[in-house]
Amino acid sequence: MTSTPIAKPEAAALPIFGLLAAILSVQVGAAFAKGLFPVLGAEGTTMLRLAIGAVMLAAVLRPWKIMPTRRGCPGSPPMASLFRS
């Protein structure tokens, strides 16, 4: 019989703070977008919110640090061979 370690009480606060931050972000973004609808329209406001969200996500995850390399994917062919006829 194996036992699972009990999480520290401090560790339970991190998901709660993350959830509250997500809720706050959605609500503040919606309140900000409400004033932009007359100026930018629905499409412009949606594009702006998506662009800001993408920049925030890129700042947190930093995808340029984990870009795959050719050496990391030995089974995949080079892109030039895919376009030969």
N, C-alpha and C. Protein backbone atom coordinates (compact mmCIF):
# COMPACT_ATOMS: atom_id res chain seq x y z
N MET A 1 0.84 -1.17 0.00
CA MET A 1 0.00 0.00 0.00
C MET A 1 0.89 1.24 0.00
N THR A 2 0.63 2.13 -0.95
CA THR A 2 1.43 3.35 -1.02
C THR A 2 0.62 4.52 -0.48
N SER A 3 1.30 5.44 0.09
CA SER A 3 0.62 6.62 0.62
C SER A 3 0.99 7.82 -0.24
N THR A 4 0.05 8.70 -0.39
CA THR A 4 0.31 9.92 -1.15
C THR A 4 0.65 11.03 -0.18
N PRO A 5 1.62 11.85 -0.54
CA PRO A 5 1.99 12.93 0.37
C PRO A 5 0.87 13.97 0.47
N ILE A 6 0.70 14.50 1.64
CA ILE A 6 -0.31 15.52 1.88
C ILE A 6 0.28 16.87 1.49
N ALA A 7 -0.48 17.62 0.69
CA ALA A 7 0.01 18.92 0.25
C ALA A 7 0.01 19.90 1.42
N LYS A 8 0.94 20.84 1.35
CA LYS A 8 1.02 21.86 2.37
C LYS A 8 -0.18 22.80 2.23
N PRO A 9 -0.64 23.37 3.30
CA PRO A 9 -1.78 24.30 3.22
C PRO A 9 -1.49 25.51 2.34
N GLU A 10 -0.23 25.94 2.29
CA GLU A 10 0.13 27.09 1.46
C GLU A 10 -0.04 26.78 -0.03
N ALA A 11 0.12 25.51 -0.39
CA ALA A 11 0.01 25.13 -1.79
C ALA A 11 -1.43 25.21 -2.29
N ALA A 12 -2.39 25.14 -1.41
CA ALA A 12 -3.80 25.22 -1.81
C ALA A 12 -4.19 26.64 -2.19
N ALA A 13 -3.44 27.64 -1.77
CA ALA A 13 -3.79 29.03 -2.05
C ALA A 13 -3.44 29.41 -3.49
N LEU A 14 -2.45 28.80 -4.09
CA LEU A 14 -2.02 29.18 -5.45
C LEU A 14 -3.12 28.99 -6.49
N PRO A 15 -3.81 27.85 -6.56
CA PRO A 15 -4.89 27.72 -7.54
C PRO A 15 -6.04 28.69 -7.28
N ILE A 16 -6.30 28.98 -6.03
CA ILE A 16 -7.38 29.93 -5.72
C ILE A 16 -7.02 31.32 -6.22
N PHE A 17 -5.78 31.74 -5.98
CA PHE A 17 -5.35 33.05 -6.48
C PHE A 17 -5.33 33.08 -8.00
N GLY A 18 -4.96 31.98 -8.62
CA GLY A 18 -4.99 31.92 -10.09
C GLY A 18 -6.39 32.05 -10.64
N LEU A 19 -7.34 31.38 -10.00
CA LEU A 19 -8.74 31.47 -10.41
C LEU A 19 -9.27 32.89 -10.24
N LEU A 20 -8.98 33.51 -9.11
CA LEU A 20 -9.43 34.88 -8.88
C LEU A 20 -8.79 35.85 -9.87
N ALA A 21 -7.54 35.64 -10.22
CA ALA A 21 -6.88 36.50 -11.21
C ALA A 21 -7.52 36.33 -12.58
N ALA A 22 -7.90 35.11 -12.94
CA ALA A 22 -8.55 34.86 -14.22
C ALA A 22 -9.91 35.52 -14.28
N ILE A 23 -10.68 35.41 -13.21
CA ILE A 23 -11.99 36.04 -13.15
C ILE A 23 -11.85 37.56 -13.25
N LEU A 24 -10.91 38.11 -12.51
CA LEU A 24 -10.67 39.55 -12.55
C LEU A 24 -10.26 40.00 -13.94
N SER A 25 -9.41 39.23 -14.60
CA SER A 25 -8.96 39.57 -15.95
C SER A 25 -10.12 39.60 -16.94
N VAL A 26 -10.99 38.62 -16.87
CA VAL A 26 -12.14 38.58 -17.79
C VAL A 26 -13.07 39.75 -17.53
N GLN A 27 -13.34 40.05 -16.27
CA GLN A 27 -14.27 41.11 -15.95
C GLN A 27 -13.71 42.49 -16.31
N VAL A 28 -12.45 42.73 -16.02
CA VAL A 28 -11.83 44.01 -16.38
C VAL A 28 -11.75 44.16 -17.89
N GLY A 29 -11.42 43.07 -18.58
CA GLY A 29 -11.37 43.12 -20.04
C GLY A 29 -12.73 43.41 -20.65
N ALA A 30 -13.79 42.83 -20.11
CA ALA A 30 -15.14 43.09 -20.61
C ALA A 30 -15.56 44.53 -20.34
N ALA A 31 -15.23 45.04 -19.16
CA ALA A 31 -15.58 46.43 -18.84
C ALA A 31 -14.82 47.40 -19.75
N PHE A 32 -13.56 47.11 -20.03
CA PHE A 32 -12.76 47.94 -20.93
C PHE A 32 -13.29 47.86 -22.35
N ALA A 33 -13.68 46.66 -22.79
CA ALA A 33 -14.17 46.47 -24.15
C ALA A 33 -15.52 47.15 -24.37
N LYS A 34 -16.30 47.29 -23.32
CA LYS A 34 -17.61 47.93 -23.44
C LYS A 34 -17.48 49.34 -24.01
N GLY A 35 -16.47 50.06 -23.60
CA GLY A 35 -16.25 51.41 -24.10
C GLY A 35 -15.65 51.45 -25.49
N LEU A 36 -15.07 50.32 -25.94
CA LEU A 36 -14.44 50.29 -27.26
C LEU A 36 -15.40 49.91 -28.38
N PHE A 37 -16.54 49.30 -28.06
CA PHE A 37 -17.48 48.88 -29.10
C PHE A 37 -17.93 50.03 -29.99
N PRO A 38 -18.28 51.20 -29.46
CA PRO A 38 -18.69 52.28 -30.36
C PRO A 38 -17.56 52.79 -31.24
N VAL A 39 -16.32 52.67 -30.78
CA VAL A 39 -15.18 53.21 -31.52
C VAL A 39 -14.65 52.21 -32.54
N LEU A 40 -14.43 50.97 -32.12
CA LEU A 40 -13.80 49.97 -32.99
C LEU A 40 -14.77 48.98 -33.61
N GLY A 41 -15.95 48.86 -33.07
CA GLY A 41 -16.89 47.85 -33.55
C GLY A 41 -16.59 46.51 -32.89
N ALA A 42 -17.43 45.54 -33.20
CA ALA A 42 -17.29 44.22 -32.57
C ALA A 42 -16.02 43.52 -33.03
N GLU A 43 -15.73 43.58 -34.33
CA GLU A 43 -14.55 42.88 -34.85
C GLU A 43 -13.26 43.50 -34.33
N GLY A 44 -13.18 44.83 -34.31
CA GLY A 44 -11.98 45.49 -33.82
C GLY A 44 -11.74 45.25 -32.35
N THR A 45 -12.80 45.28 -31.56
CA THR A 45 -12.68 45.04 -30.13
C THR A 45 -12.25 43.61 -29.86
N THR A 46 -12.81 42.67 -30.59
CA THR A 46 -12.43 41.27 -30.43
C THR A 46 -10.97 41.06 -30.81
N MET A 47 -10.55 41.68 -31.93
CA MET A 47 -9.16 41.55 -32.36
C MET A 47 -8.21 42.14 -31.32
N LEU A 48 -8.56 43.28 -30.76
CA LEU A 48 -7.71 43.91 -29.76
C LEU A 48 -7.61 43.06 -28.49
N ARG A 49 -8.73 42.51 -28.04
CA ARG A 49 -8.70 41.66 -26.85
C ARG A 49 -7.89 40.38 -27.08
N LEU A 50 -8.03 39.79 -28.27
CA LEU A 50 -7.25 38.58 -28.58
C LEU A 50 -5.77 38.89 -28.68
N ALA A 51 -5.42 40.03 -29.27
CA ALA A 51 -4.01 40.40 -29.41
C ALA A 51 -3.39 40.66 -28.04
N ILE A 52 -4.10 41.37 -27.18
CA ILE A 52 -3.57 41.63 -25.83
C ILE A 52 -3.43 40.32 -25.06
N GLY A 53 -4.40 39.43 -25.19
CA GLY A 53 -4.31 38.13 -24.52
C GLY A 53 -3.14 37.30 -25.03
N ALA A 54 -2.89 37.35 -26.35
CA ALA A 54 -1.77 36.60 -26.93
C ALA A 54 -0.44 37.14 -26.44
N VAL A 55 -0.33 38.46 -26.33
CA VAL A 55 0.92 39.06 -25.84
C VAL A 55 1.14 38.68 -24.37
N MET A 56 0.07 38.71 -23.58
CA MET A 56 0.20 38.33 -22.16
C MET A 56 0.58 36.85 -22.03
N LEU A 57 -0.03 36.00 -22.84
CA LEU A 57 0.30 34.57 -22.78
C LEU A 57 1.74 34.32 -23.22
N ALA A 58 2.18 35.02 -24.26
CA ALA A 58 3.56 34.86 -24.72
C ALA A 58 4.55 35.35 -23.67
N ALA A 59 4.20 36.41 -22.96
CA ALA A 59 5.08 36.93 -21.91
C ALA A 59 5.23 35.93 -20.76
N VAL A 60 4.17 35.20 -20.47
CA VAL A 60 4.22 34.23 -19.38
C VAL A 60 4.90 32.93 -19.81
N LEU A 61 4.53 32.41 -20.98
CA LEU A 61 5.03 31.10 -21.39
C LEU A 61 6.36 31.14 -22.13
N ARG A 62 6.72 32.26 -22.71
CA ARG A 62 7.96 32.45 -23.48
C ARG A 62 8.21 31.30 -24.45
N PRO A 63 7.39 31.18 -25.51
CA PRO A 63 7.53 30.06 -26.43
C PRO A 63 8.85 30.05 -27.19
N TRP A 64 9.52 31.19 -27.33
CA TRP A 64 10.80 31.22 -28.03
C TRP A 64 11.89 30.47 -27.28
N LYS A 65 11.67 30.18 -26.01
CA LYS A 65 12.66 29.43 -25.23
C LYS A 65 12.57 27.92 -25.49
N ILE A 66 11.44 27.45 -26.01
CA ILE A 66 11.25 26.01 -26.19
C ILE A 66 10.96 25.65 -27.65
N MET A 67 11.49 26.44 -28.58
CA MET A 67 11.26 26.16 -29.99
C MET A 67 11.91 24.81 -30.35
N PRO A 68 11.20 23.96 -31.09
CA PRO A 68 11.79 22.67 -31.47
C PRO A 68 12.92 22.87 -32.48
N THR A 69 13.89 22.02 -32.40
CA THR A 69 15.01 22.07 -33.34
C THR A 69 14.95 20.86 -34.25
N ARG A 70 15.71 20.90 -35.32
CA ARG A 70 15.76 19.77 -36.24
C ARG A 70 16.35 18.56 -35.54
N ARG A 71 17.30 18.78 -34.66
CA ARG A 71 17.93 17.69 -33.93
C ARG A 71 16.95 17.06 -32.93
N GLY A 72 16.02 17.87 -32.41
CA GLY A 72 15.04 17.38 -31.46
C GLY A 72 13.97 16.52 -32.10
N CYS A 73 13.80 16.62 -33.42
CA CYS A 73 12.80 15.84 -34.16
C CYS A 73 13.49 15.06 -35.27
N PRO A 74 14.21 13.99 -34.95
CA PRO A 74 15.00 13.29 -35.96
C PRO A 74 14.15 12.60 -37.03
N GLY A 75 12.90 12.26 -36.76
CA GLY A 75 12.09 11.55 -37.72
C GLY A 75 11.42 12.45 -38.74
N SER A 76 11.43 13.76 -38.50
CA SER A 76 10.73 14.67 -39.41
C SER A 76 11.65 15.12 -40.53
N PRO A 77 11.12 15.15 -41.76
CA PRO A 77 11.96 15.59 -42.90
C PRO A 77 12.13 17.09 -42.90
N PRO A 78 13.18 17.60 -43.51
CA PRO A 78 13.34 19.04 -43.64
C PRO A 78 12.19 19.64 -44.46
N MET A 79 11.87 20.90 -44.21
CA MET A 79 10.75 21.53 -44.88
C MET A 79 10.95 21.60 -46.40
N ALA A 80 12.18 21.75 -46.87
CA ALA A 80 12.42 21.87 -48.31
C ALA A 80 11.96 20.63 -49.06
N SER A 81 12.10 19.45 -48.45
CA SER A 81 11.70 18.22 -49.13
C SER A 81 10.17 18.09 -49.22
N LEU A 82 9.46 18.81 -48.39
CA LEU A 82 8.00 18.74 -48.44
C LEU A 82 7.44 19.48 -49.65
N PHE A 83 8.17 20.45 -50.18
CA PHE A 83 7.66 21.26 -51.28
C PHE A 83 8.21 20.86 -52.63
N ARG A 84 9.01 19.82 -52.70
CA ARG A 84 9.52 19.33 -54.00
C ARG A 84 8.40 18.64 -54.75
N SER A 85 8.44 18.79 -56.09
CA SER A 85 7.42 18.10 -56.89
C SER A 85 8.00 16.96 -57.69
